PDB file of all heavy atoms in Angstrom:
ATOM      1  N   ILE A   1       0.840  -1.200   0.000  1.00  0.00           N
ATOM      2  CA  ILE A   1       0.000   0.000   0.000  1.00  0.00           C
ATOM      3  C   ILE A   1       0.875   1.250   0.000  1.00  0.00           C
ATOM      4  O   ILE A   1       0.585   2.233  -0.693  1.00  0.00           O
ATOM      5  CB  ILE A   1      -0.953   0.016   1.211  1.00  0.00           C
ATOM      6  CG1 ILE A   1      -1.933  -1.158   1.157  1.00  0.00           C
ATOM      7  CG2 ILE A   1      -1.688   1.350   1.323  1.00  0.00           C
ATOM      8  CD1 ILE A   1      -2.981  -1.077   0.087  1.00  0.00           C
ATOM      9  N   GLN A   2       1.972   1.215   0.755  1.00  0.00           N
ATOM     10  CA  GLN A   2       2.879   2.370   0.792  1.00  0.00           C
ATOM     11  C   GLN A   2       3.515   2.598  -0.580  1.00  0.00           C
ATOM     12  O   GLN A   2       3.600   3.733  -1.052  1.00  0.00           O
ATOM     13  CB  GLN A   2       3.960   2.181   1.855  1.00  0.00           C
ATOM     14  CG  GLN A   2       4.828   3.401   2.055  1.00  0.00           C
ATOM     15  CD  GLN A   2       4.044   4.611   2.552  1.00  0.00           C
ATOM     16  OE1 GLN A   2       3.387   4.547   3.571  1.00  0.00           O
ATOM     17  NE2 GLN A   2       4.105   5.714   1.819  1.00  0.00           N
ATOM     18  N   GLU A   3       3.954   1.512  -1.235  1.00  0.00           N
ATOM     19  CA  GLU A   3       4.529   1.641  -2.584  1.00  0.00           C
ATOM     20  C   GLU A   3       3.503   2.220  -3.555  1.00  0.00           C
ATOM     21  O   GLU A   3       3.833   3.072  -4.384  1.00  0.00           O
ATOM     22  CB  GLU A   3       5.009   0.280  -3.093  1.00  0.00           C
ATOM     23  CG  GLU A   3       6.281  -0.207  -2.444  1.00  0.00           C
ATOM     24  CD  GLU A   3       6.631  -1.640  -2.842  1.00  0.00           C
ATOM     25  OE1 GLU A   3       6.173  -2.101  -3.918  1.00  0.00           O
ATOM     26  OE2 GLU A   3       7.346  -2.294  -2.071  1.00  0.00           O
ATOM     27  N   TYR A   4       2.272   1.746  -3.459  1.00  0.00           N
ATOM     28  CA  TYR A   4       1.193   2.235  -4.316  1.00  0.00           C
ATOM     29  C   TYR A   4       0.956   3.725  -4.070  1.00  0.00           C
ATOM     30  O   TYR A   4       0.881   4.516  -5.010  1.00  0.00           O
ATOM     31  CB  TYR A   4      -0.072   1.417  -4.042  1.00  0.00           C
ATOM     32  CG  TYR A   4      -1.258   1.754  -4.898  1.00  0.00           C
ATOM     33  CD1 TYR A   4      -1.281   1.438  -6.249  1.00  0.00           C
ATOM     34  CD2 TYR A   4      -2.376   2.362  -4.352  1.00  0.00           C
ATOM     35  CE1 TYR A   4      -2.380   1.730  -7.041  1.00  0.00           C
ATOM     36  CE2 TYR A   4      -3.485   2.659  -5.128  1.00  0.00           C
ATOM     37  CZ  TYR A   4      -3.481   2.335  -6.472  1.00  0.00           C
ATOM     38  OH  TYR A   4      -4.565   2.633  -7.246  1.00  0.00           O
ATOM     39  N   SER A   5       0.884   4.102  -2.811  1.00  0.00           N
ATOM     40  CA  SER A   5       0.678   5.515  -2.448  1.00  0.00           C
ATOM     41  C   SER A   5       1.844   6.379  -2.905  1.00  0.00           C
ATOM     42  O   SER A   5       1.647   7.476  -3.440  1.00  0.00           O
ATOM     43  CB  SER A   5       0.500   5.649  -0.934  1.00  0.00           C
ATOM     44  OG  SER A   5      -0.597   4.889  -0.499  1.00  0.00           O
ATOM     45  N   ASP A   6       3.065   5.891  -2.692  1.00  0.00           N
ATOM     46  CA  ASP A   6       4.258   6.627  -3.132  1.00  0.00           C
ATOM     47  C   ASP A   6       4.253   6.813  -4.647  1.00  0.00           C
ATOM     48  O   ASP A   6       4.615   7.879  -5.148  1.00  0.00           O
ATOM     49  CB  ASP A   6       5.542   5.908  -2.698  1.00  0.00           C
ATOM     50  CG  ASP A   6       5.770   5.955  -1.201  1.00  0.00           C
ATOM     51  OD1 ASP A   6       5.100   6.755  -0.507  1.00  0.00           O
ATOM     52  OD2 ASP A   6       6.615   5.166  -0.717  1.00  0.00           O
ATOM     53  N   TYR A   7       3.851   5.777  -5.368  1.00  0.00           N
ATOM     54  CA  TYR A   7       3.773   5.869  -6.818  1.00  0.00           C
ATOM     55  C   TYR A   7       2.794   6.977  -7.225  1.00  0.00           C
ATOM     56  O   TYR A   7       3.082   7.791  -8.110  1.00  0.00           O
ATOM     57  CB  TYR A   7       3.333   4.528  -7.412  1.00  0.00           C
ATOM     58  CG  TYR A   7       3.275   4.537  -8.917  1.00  0.00           C
ATOM     59  CD1 TYR A   7       4.404   4.221  -9.670  1.00  0.00           C
ATOM     60  CD2 TYR A   7       2.102   4.879  -9.590  1.00  0.00           C
ATOM     61  CE1 TYR A   7       4.352   4.240 -11.057  1.00  0.00           C
ATOM     62  CE2 TYR A   7       2.051   4.906 -10.970  1.00  0.00           C
ATOM     63  CZ  TYR A   7       3.179   4.590 -11.698  1.00  0.00           C
ATOM     64  OH  TYR A   7       3.140   4.618 -13.069  1.00  0.00           O
ATOM     65  N   LEU A   8       1.631   7.015  -6.571  1.00  0.00           N
ATOM     66  CA  LEU A   8       0.643   8.040  -6.896  1.00  0.00           C
ATOM     67  C   LEU A   8       1.167   9.433  -6.584  1.00  0.00           C
ATOM     68  O   LEU A   8       0.966  10.368  -7.368  1.00  0.00           O
ATOM     69  CB  LEU A   8      -0.661   7.787  -6.148  1.00  0.00           C
ATOM     70  CG  LEU A   8      -1.411   6.516  -6.517  1.00  0.00           C
ATOM     71  CD1 LEU A   8      -2.690   6.397  -5.696  1.00  0.00           C
ATOM     72  CD2 LEU A   8      -1.706   6.446  -8.004  1.00  0.00           C
ATOM     73  N   LYS A   9       1.852   9.576  -5.457  1.00  0.00           N
ATOM     74  CA  LYS A   9       2.430  10.880  -5.104  1.00  0.00           C
ATOM     75  C   LYS A   9       3.469  11.304  -6.129  1.00  0.00           C
ATOM     76  O   LYS A   9       3.536  12.464  -6.519  1.00  0.00           O
ATOM     77  CB  LYS A   9       3.102  10.809  -3.727  1.00  0.00           C
ATOM     78  CG  LYS A   9       2.170  10.862  -2.573  1.00  0.00           C
ATOM     79  CD  LYS A   9       2.994  10.857  -1.293  1.00  0.00           C
ATOM     80  CE  LYS A   9       2.201  10.334  -0.135  1.00  0.00           C
ATOM     81  NZ  LYS A   9       2.999  10.157   1.062  1.00  0.00           N
ATOM     82  N   GLU A  10       4.292  10.361  -6.540  1.00  0.00           N
ATOM     83  CA  GLU A  10       5.382  10.650  -7.467  1.00  0.00           C
ATOM     84  C   GLU A  10       4.878  10.966  -8.877  1.00  0.00           C
ATOM     85  O   GLU A  10       5.468  11.778  -9.581  1.00  0.00           O
ATOM     86  CB  GLU A  10       6.330   9.446  -7.510  1.00  0.00           C
ATOM     87  CG  GLU A  10       7.564   9.647  -8.340  1.00  0.00           C
ATOM     88  CD  GLU A  10       8.470   8.424  -8.327  1.00  0.00           C
ATOM     89  OE1 GLU A  10       8.628   7.805  -7.256  1.00  0.00           O
ATOM     90  OE2 GLU A  10       9.004   8.076  -9.399  1.00  0.00           O
ATOM     91  N   HIS A  11       3.798  10.324  -9.290  1.00  0.00           N
ATOM     92  CA  HIS A  11       3.339  10.445 -10.670  1.00  0.00           C
ATOM     93  C   HIS A  11       2.109  11.334 -10.855  1.00  0.00           C
ATOM     94  O   HIS A  11       1.594  11.441 -11.970  1.00  0.00           O
ATOM     95  CB  HIS A  11       3.070   9.057 -11.255  1.00  0.00           C
ATOM     96  CG  HIS A  11       4.318   8.276 -11.463  1.00  0.00           C
ATOM     97  ND1 HIS A  11       4.901   7.519 -10.466  1.00  0.00           N
ATOM     98  CD2 HIS A  11       5.131   8.154 -12.530  1.00  0.00           C
ATOM     99  CE1 HIS A  11       5.999   6.957 -10.915  1.00  0.00           C
ATOM    100  NE2 HIS A  11       6.167   7.336 -12.165  1.00  0.00           N
ATOM    101  N   THR A  12       1.649  11.926  -9.767  1.00  0.00           N
ATOM    102  CA  THR A  12       0.525  12.857  -9.893  1.00  0.00           C
ATOM    103  C   THR A  12       0.820  14.106  -9.079  1.00  0.00           C
ATOM    104  O   THR A  12       1.679  14.110  -8.208  1.00  0.00           O
ATOM    105  CB  THR A  12      -0.804  12.243  -9.385  1.00  0.00           C
ATOM    106  OG1 THR A  12      -0.725  12.006  -7.982  1.00  0.00           O
ATOM    107  CG2 THR A  12      -1.137  10.960 -10.109  1.00  0.00           C
ATOM    108  N   ASP A  13       0.090  15.134  -9.391  1.00  0.00           N
ATOM    109  CA  ASP A  13       0.204  16.392  -8.670  1.00  0.00           C
ATOM    110  C   ASP A  13      -1.222  16.875  -8.416  1.00  0.00           C
ATOM    111  O   ASP A  13      -2.102  16.638  -9.246  1.00  0.00           O
ATOM    112  CB  ASP A  13       0.970  17.402  -9.535  1.00  0.00           C
ATOM    113  CG  ASP A  13       1.237  18.671  -8.786  1.00  0.00           C
ATOM    114  OD1 ASP A  13       0.367  19.558  -8.819  1.00  0.00           O
ATOM    115  OD2 ASP A  13       2.300  18.780  -8.147  1.00  0.00           O
ATOM    116  N   VAL A  14      -1.442  17.521  -7.297  1.00  0.00           N
ATOM    117  CA  VAL A  14      -2.799  17.974  -6.984  1.00  0.00           C
ATOM    118  C   VAL A  14      -3.397  18.813  -8.103  1.00  0.00           C
ATOM    119  O   VAL A  14      -4.590  18.749  -8.363  1.00  0.00           O
ATOM    120  CB  VAL A  14      -2.876  18.732  -5.636  1.00  0.00           C
ATOM    121  CG1 VAL A  14      -2.655  17.817  -4.483  1.00  0.00           C
ATOM    122  CG2 VAL A  14      -1.971  19.922  -5.596  1.00  0.00           C
ATOM    123  N   GLU A  15      -2.570  19.569  -8.780  1.00  0.00           N
ATOM    124  CA  GLU A  15      -3.067  20.459  -9.829  1.00  0.00           C
ATOM    125  C   GLU A  15      -3.525  19.702 -11.073  1.00  0.00           C
ATOM    126  O   GLU A  15      -4.216  20.259 -11.921  1.00  0.00           O
ATOM    127  CB  GLU A  15      -1.996  21.487 -10.188  1.00  0.00           C
ATOM    128  CG  GLU A  15      -1.708  22.435  -9.039  1.00  0.00           C
ATOM    129  CD  GLU A  15      -0.518  23.333  -9.301  1.00  0.00           C
ATOM    130  OE1 GLU A  15       0.064  23.284 -10.400  1.00  0.00           O
ATOM    131  OE2 GLU A  15      -0.168  24.084  -8.376  1.00  0.00           O
ATOM    132  N   GLN A  16      -3.138  18.432 -11.198  1.00  0.00           N
ATOM    133  CA  GLN A  16      -3.552  17.650 -12.364  1.00  0.00           C
ATOM    134  C   GLN A  16      -4.993  17.168 -12.258  1.00  0.00           C
ATOM    135  O   GLN A  16      -5.554  16.693 -13.231  1.00  0.00           O
ATOM    136  CB  GLN A  16      -2.612  16.455 -12.559  1.00  0.00           C
ATOM    137  CG  GLN A  16      -1.221  16.883 -12.966  1.00  0.00           C
ATOM    138  CD  GLN A  16      -0.239  15.738 -12.916  1.00  0.00           C
ATOM    139  OE1 GLN A  16      -0.150  15.010 -11.925  1.00  0.00           O
ATOM    140  NE2 GLN A  16       0.500  15.569 -13.997  1.00  0.00           N
ATOM    141  N   GLY A  17      -5.562  17.270 -11.089  1.00  0.00           N
ATOM    142  CA  GLY A  17      -6.975  16.944 -10.904  1.00  0.00           C
ATOM    143  C   GLY A  17      -7.256  15.485 -10.611  1.00  0.00           C
ATOM    144  O   GLY A  17      -6.391  14.614 -10.710  1.00  0.00           O
ATOM    145  N   VAL A  18      -8.493  15.264 -10.253  1.00  0.00           N
ATOM    146  CA  VAL A  18      -8.946  13.944  -9.828  1.00  0.00           C
ATOM    147  C   VAL A  18      -9.004  12.962 -10.999  1.00  0.00           C
ATOM    148  O   VAL A  18      -8.665  11.797 -10.853  1.00  0.00           O
ATOM    149  CB  VAL A  18     -10.320  14.039  -9.124  1.00  0.00           C
ATOM    150  CG1 VAL A  18     -10.866  12.673  -8.785  1.00  0.00           C
ATOM    151  CG2 VAL A  18     -10.209  14.881  -7.863  1.00  0.00           C
ATOM    152  N   TYR A  19      -9.431  13.427 -12.164  1.00  0.00           N
ATOM    153  CA  TYR A  19      -9.535  12.530 -13.318  1.00  0.00           C
ATOM    154  C   TYR A  19      -8.184  11.869 -13.606  1.00  0.00           C
ATOM    155  O   TYR A  19      -8.100  10.662 -13.768  1.00  0.00           O
ATOM    156  CB  TYR A  19     -10.038  13.292 -14.546  1.00  0.00           C
ATOM    157  CG  TYR A  19     -10.437  12.392 -15.690  1.00  0.00           C
ATOM    158  CD1 TYR A  19     -11.759  12.000 -15.842  1.00  0.00           C
ATOM    159  CD2 TYR A  19      -9.492  11.930 -16.610  1.00  0.00           C
ATOM    160  CE1 TYR A  19     -12.144  11.167 -16.894  1.00  0.00           C
ATOM    161  CE2 TYR A  19      -9.861  11.097 -17.653  1.00  0.00           C
ATOM    162  CZ  TYR A  19     -11.186  10.713 -17.788  1.00  0.00           C
ATOM    163  OH  TYR A  19     -11.563   9.881 -18.822  1.00  0.00           O
ATOM    164  N   TYR A  20      -7.148  12.681 -13.641  1.00  0.00           N
ATOM    165  CA  TYR A  20      -5.806  12.149 -13.893  1.00  0.00           C
ATOM    166  C   TYR A  20      -5.384  11.189 -12.777  1.00  0.00           C
ATOM    167  O   TYR A  20      -4.817  10.132 -13.037  1.00  0.00           O
ATOM    168  CB  TYR A  20      -4.795  13.298 -14.032  1.00  0.00           C
ATOM    169  CG  TYR A  20      -3.403  12.826 -14.380  1.00  0.00           C
ATOM    170  CD1 TYR A  20      -3.115  12.356 -15.651  1.00  0.00           C
ATOM    171  CD2 TYR A  20      -2.391  12.839 -13.428  1.00  0.00           C
ATOM    172  CE1 TYR A  20      -1.842  11.907 -15.974  1.00  0.00           C
ATOM    173  CE2 TYR A  20      -1.122  12.398 -13.744  1.00  0.00           C
ATOM    174  CZ  TYR A  20      -0.847  11.930 -15.015  1.00  0.00           C
ATOM    175  OH  TYR A  20       0.405  11.482 -15.327  1.00  0.00           O
ATOM    176  N   LEU A  21      -5.668  11.550 -11.536  1.00  0.00           N
ATOM    177  CA  LEU A  21      -5.353  10.679 -10.406  1.00  0.00           C
ATOM    178  C   LEU A  21      -6.038   9.325 -10.564  1.00  0.00           C
ATOM    179  O   LEU A  21      -5.425   8.282 -10.338  1.00  0.00           O
ATOM    180  CB  LEU A  21      -5.768  11.322  -9.083  1.00  0.00           C
ATOM    181  CG  LEU A  21      -5.645  10.437  -7.838  1.00  0.00           C
ATOM    182  CD1 LEU A  21      -4.187  10.091  -7.554  1.00  0.00           C
ATOM    183  CD2 LEU A  21      -6.288  11.092  -6.638  1.00  0.00           C
ATOM    184  N   LEU A  22      -7.298   9.333 -10.970  1.00  0.00           N
ATOM    185  CA  LEU A  22      -8.024   8.076 -11.161  1.00  0.00           C
ATOM    186  C   LEU A  22      -7.394   7.242 -12.277  1.00  0.00           C
ATOM    187  O   LEU A  22      -7.262   6.022 -12.145  1.00  0.00           O
ATOM    188  CB  LEU A  22      -9.497   8.351 -11.453  1.00  0.00           C
ATOM    189  CG  LEU A  22     -10.296   8.947 -10.294  1.00  0.00           C
ATOM    190  CD1 LEU A  22     -11.680   9.363 -10.769  1.00  0.00           C
ATOM    191  CD2 LEU A  22     -10.363   8.004  -9.120  1.00  0.00           C
ATOM    192  N   GLU A  23      -7.024   7.893 -13.380  1.00  0.00           N
ATOM    193  CA  GLU A  23      -6.365   7.166 -14.470  1.00  0.00           C
ATOM    194  C   GLU A  23      -5.088   6.482 -13.980  1.00  0.00           C
ATOM    195  O   GLU A  23      -4.868   5.305 -14.244  1.00  0.00           O
ATOM    196  CB  GLU A  23      -6.000   8.121 -15.614  1.00  0.00           C
ATOM    197  CG  GLU A  23      -7.133   8.503 -16.501  1.00  0.00           C
ATOM    198  CD  GLU A  23      -6.660   9.379 -17.653  1.00  0.00           C
ATOM    199  OE1 GLU A  23      -5.845  10.307 -17.423  1.00  0.00           O
ATOM    200  OE2 GLU A  23      -7.104   9.127 -18.779  1.00  0.00           O
ATOM    201  N   ILE A  24      -4.261   7.239 -13.279  1.00  0.00           N
ATOM    202  CA  ILE A  24      -2.992   6.702 -12.774  1.00  0.00           C
ATOM    203  C   ILE A  24      -3.248   5.605 -11.750  1.00  0.00           C
ATOM    204  O   ILE A  24      -2.596   4.559 -11.760  1.00  0.00           O
ATOM    205  CB  ILE A  24      -2.119   7.835 -12.173  1.00  0.00           C
ATOM    206  CG1 ILE A  24      -1.717   8.845 -13.248  1.00  0.00           C
ATOM    207  CG2 ILE A  24      -0.897   7.276 -11.468  1.00  0.00           C
ATOM    208  CD1 ILE A  24      -0.855   8.283 -14.352  1.00  0.00           C
ATOM    209  N   SER A  25      -4.222   5.819 -10.858  1.00  0.00           N
ATOM    210  CA  SER A  25      -4.540   4.841  -9.818  1.00  0.00           C
ATOM    211  C   SER A  25      -4.960   3.512 -10.415  1.00  0.00           C
ATOM    212  O   SER A  25      -4.484   2.447 -10.002  1.00  0.00           O
ATOM    213  CB  SER A  25      -5.672   5.342  -8.917  1.00  0.00           C
ATOM    214  OG  SER A  25      -5.326   6.529  -8.278  1.00  0.00           O
ATOM    215  N   ILE A  26      -5.840   3.578 -11.379  1.00  0.00           N
ATOM    216  CA  ILE A  26      -6.357   2.354 -11.993  1.00  0.00           C
ATOM    217  C   ILE A  26      -5.293   1.685 -12.847  1.00  0.00           C
ATOM    218  O   ILE A  26      -5.124   0.465 -12.798  1.00  0.00           O
ATOM    219  CB  ILE A  26      -7.651   2.655 -12.770  1.00  0.00           C
ATOM    220  CG1 ILE A  26      -8.740   3.082 -11.766  1.00  0.00           C
ATOM    221  CG2 ILE A  26      -8.103   1.446 -13.580  1.00  0.00           C
ATOM    222  CD1 ILE A  26      -9.946   3.727 -12.393  1.00  0.00           C
ATOM    223  N   ASP A  27      -4.541   2.469 -13.618  1.00  0.00           N
ATOM    224  CA  ASP A  27      -3.445   1.883 -14.402  1.00  0.00           C
ATOM    225  C   ASP A  27      -2.439   1.184 -13.499  1.00  0.00           C
ATOM    226  O   ASP A  27      -1.961   0.091 -13.817  1.00  0.00           O
ATOM    227  CB  ASP A  27      -2.723   2.959 -15.228  1.00  0.00           C
ATOM    228  CG  ASP A  27      -3.498   3.370 -16.462  1.00  0.00           C
ATOM    229  OD1 ASP A  27      -4.408   2.632 -16.884  1.00  0.00           O
ATOM    230  OD2 ASP A  27      -3.179   4.441 -17.021  1.00  0.00           O
ATOM    231  N   ARG A  28      -2.122   1.805 -12.376  1.00  0.00           N
ATOM    232  CA  ARG A  28      -1.130   1.231 -11.465  1.00  0.00           C
ATOM    233  C   ARG A  28      -1.633  -0.067 -10.841  1.00  0.00           C
ATOM    234  O   ARG A  28      -0.895  -1.040 -10.737  1.00  0.00           O
ATOM    235  CB  ARG A  28      -0.745   2.241 -10.374  1.00  0.00           C
ATOM    236  CG  ARG A  28       0.341   1.751  -9.463  1.00  0.00           C
ATOM    237  CD  ARG A  28       1.634   1.574 -10.226  1.00  0.00           C
ATOM    238  NE  ARG A  28       2.647   1.017  -9.368  1.00  0.00           N
ATOM    239  CZ  ARG A  28       3.710   0.373  -9.805  1.00  0.00           C
ATOM    240  NH1 ARG A  28       3.918   0.226 -11.093  1.00  0.00           N
ATOM    241  NH2 ARG A  28       4.591  -0.104  -8.971  1.00  0.00           N
ATOM    242  N   ILE A  29      -2.904  -0.097 -10.440  1.00  0.00           N
ATOM    243  CA  ILE A  29      -3.427  -1.314  -9.820  1.00  0.00           C
ATOM    244  C   ILE A  29      -3.464  -2.446 -10.844  1.00  0.00           C
ATOM    245  O   ILE A  29      -3.221  -3.609 -10.510  1.00  0.00           O
ATOM    246  CB  ILE A  29      -4.800  -1.088  -9.143  1.00  0.00           C
ATOM    247  CG1 ILE A  29      -5.103  -2.208  -8.138  1.00  0.00           C
ATOM    248  CG2 ILE A  29      -5.921  -1.023 -10.121  1.00  0.00           C
ATOM    249  CD1 ILE A  29      -4.268  -2.194  -6.926  1.00  0.00           C
ATOM    250  N   ILE A  30      -3.727  -2.111 -12.090  1.00  0.00           N
ATOM    251  CA  ILE A  30      -3.736  -3.145 -13.131  1.00  0.00           C
ATOM    252  C   ILE A  30      -2.320  -3.653 -13.380  1.00  0.00           C
ATOM    253  O   ILE A  30      -2.097  -4.856 -13.517  1.00  0.00           O
ATOM    254  CB  ILE A  30      -4.415  -2.619 -14.417  1.00  0.00           C
ATOM    255  CG1 ILE A  30      -5.923  -2.486 -14.144  1.00  0.00           C
ATOM    256  CG2 ILE A  30      -4.133  -3.526 -15.601  1.00  0.00           C
ATOM    257  CD1 ILE A  30      -6.684  -1.743 -15.207  1.00  0.00           C
ATOM    258  N   THR A  31      -1.353  -2.746 -13.406  1.00  0.00           N
ATOM    259  CA  THR A  31       0.044  -3.160 -13.559  1.00  0.00           C
ATOM    260  C   THR A  31       0.469  -4.059 -12.401  1.00  0.00           C
ATOM    261  O   THR A  31       1.093  -5.098 -12.612  1.00  0.00           O
ATOM    262  CB  THR A  31       0.967  -1.926 -13.642  1.00  0.00           C
ATOM    263  OG1 THR A  31       0.587  -1.149 -14.776  1.00  0.00           O
ATOM    264  CG2 THR A  31       2.430  -2.327 -13.760  1.00  0.00           C
ATOM    265  N   MET A  32       0.123  -3.655 -11.184  1.00  0.00           N
ATOM    266  CA  MET A  32       0.455  -4.483 -10.017  1.00  0.00           C
ATOM    267  C   MET A  32      -0.218  -5.846 -10.125  1.00  0.00           C
ATOM    268  O   MET A  32       0.376  -6.869  -9.783  1.00  0.00           O
ATOM    269  CB  MET A  32       0.021  -3.783  -8.722  1.00  0.00           C
ATOM    270  CG  MET A  32       0.843  -2.561  -8.386  1.00  0.00           C
ATOM    271  SD  MET A  32       0.158  -1.607  -7.005  1.00  0.00           S
ATOM    272  CE  MET A  32       0.476  -2.704  -5.626  1.00  0.00           C
ATOM    273  N   SER A  33      -1.448  -5.860 -10.608  1.00  0.00           N
ATOM    274  CA  SER A  33      -2.194  -7.104 -10.745  1.00  0.00           C
ATOM    275  C   SER A  33      -1.558  -8.033 -11.772  1.00  0.00           C
ATOM    276  O   SER A  33      -1.550  -9.245 -11.599  1.00  0.00           O
ATOM    277  CB  SER A  33      -3.644  -6.811 -11.140  1.00  0.00           C
ATOM    278  OG  SER A  33      -4.277  -6.040 -10.155  1.00  0.00           O
ATOM    279  N   LYS A  34      -1.043  -7.453 -12.838  1.00  0.00           N
ATOM    280  CA  LYS A  34      -0.360  -8.263 -13.852  1.00  0.00           C
ATOM    281  C   LYS A  34       0.963  -8.801 -13.322  1.00  0.00           C
ATOM    282  O   LYS A  34       1.320  -9.952 -13.550  1.00  0.00           O
ATOM    283  CB  LYS A  34      -0.099  -7.431 -15.113  1.00  0.00           C
ATOM    284  CG  LYS A  34      -1.299  -7.208 -15.972  1.00  0.00           C
ATOM    285  CD  LYS A  34      -0.919  -6.367 -17.192  1.00  0.00           C
ATOM    286  CE  LYS A  34      -2.091  -6.155 -18.102  1.00  0.00           C
ATOM    287  NZ  LYS A  34      -1.735  -5.332 -19.267  1.00  0.00           N
ATOM    288  N   ASP A  35       1.722  -7.948 -12.618  1.00  0.00           N
ATOM    289  CA  ASP A  35       3.047  -8.324 -12.134  1.00  0.00           C
ATOM    290  C   ASP A  35       2.997  -9.333 -10.992  1.00  0.00           C
ATOM    291  O   ASP A  35       3.862 -10.195 -10.893  1.00  0.00           O
ATOM    292  CB  ASP A  35       3.825  -7.084 -11.668  1.00  0.00           C
ATOM    293  CG  ASP A  35       4.162  -6.148 -12.807  1.00  0.00           C
ATOM    294  OD1 ASP A  35       4.036  -6.548 -13.982  1.00  0.00           O
ATOM    295  OD2 ASP A  35       4.539  -4.991 -12.514  1.00  0.00           O
ATOM    296  N   SER A  36       2.017  -9.195 -10.135  1.00  0.00           N
ATOM    297  CA  SER A  36       1.949 -10.032  -8.938  1.00  0.00           C
ATOM    298  C   SER A  36       0.489 -10.277  -8.569  1.00  0.00           C
ATOM    299  O   SER A  36      -0.005  -9.756  -7.569  1.00  0.00           O
ATOM    300  CB  SER A  36       2.696  -9.312  -7.806  1.00  0.00           C
ATOM    301  OG  SER A  36       2.842 -10.130  -6.700  1.00  0.00           O
ATOM    302  N   PRO A  37      -0.212 -11.086  -9.371  1.00  0.00           N
ATOM    303  CA  PRO A  37      -1.660 -11.199  -9.195  1.00  0.00           C
ATOM    304  C   PRO A  37      -2.120 -11.739  -7.841  1.00  0.00           C
ATOM    305  O   PRO A  37      -3.025 -11.168  -7.233  1.00  0.00           O
ATOM    306  CB  PRO A  37      -2.097 -12.128 -10.331  1.00  0.00           C
ATOM    307  CG  PRO A  37      -0.872 -12.748 -10.861  1.00  0.00           C
ATOM    308  CD  PRO A  37       0.274 -11.867 -10.493  1.00  0.00           C
ATOM    309  N   LYS A  38      -1.513 -12.787  -7.367  1.00  0.00           N
ATOM    310  CA  LYS A  38      -1.977 -13.360  -6.099  1.00  0.00           C
ATOM    311  C   LYS A  38      -1.734 -12.419  -4.934  1.00  0.00           C
ATOM    312  O   LYS A  38      -2.599 -12.239  -4.081  1.00  0.00           O
ATOM    313  CB  LYS A  38      -1.326 -14.710  -5.843  1.00  0.00           C
ATOM    314  CG  LYS A  38      -1.846 -15.791  -6.766  1.00  0.00           C
ATOM    315  CD  LYS A  38      -1.207 -17.128  -6.488  1.00  0.00           C
ATOM    316  CE  LYS A  38      -1.698 -18.154  -7.488  1.00  0.00           C
ATOM    317  NZ  LYS A  38      -0.973 -19.396  -7.405  1.00  0.00           N
TER     318      LYS A  38
END
C-alpha cells in the first residue's frame, strides 16, 4: 500500500486533478495485478 501511495504521489500532482489521479490509480493497480496477481 505504501509503494502504491508513493507511486501516486510521485506520478501525480494535486493540480492535475482527480480525473488524472483516477487514471494513474487504476493503471497502477492493473500493472500491479499483472506483475503479482496473487
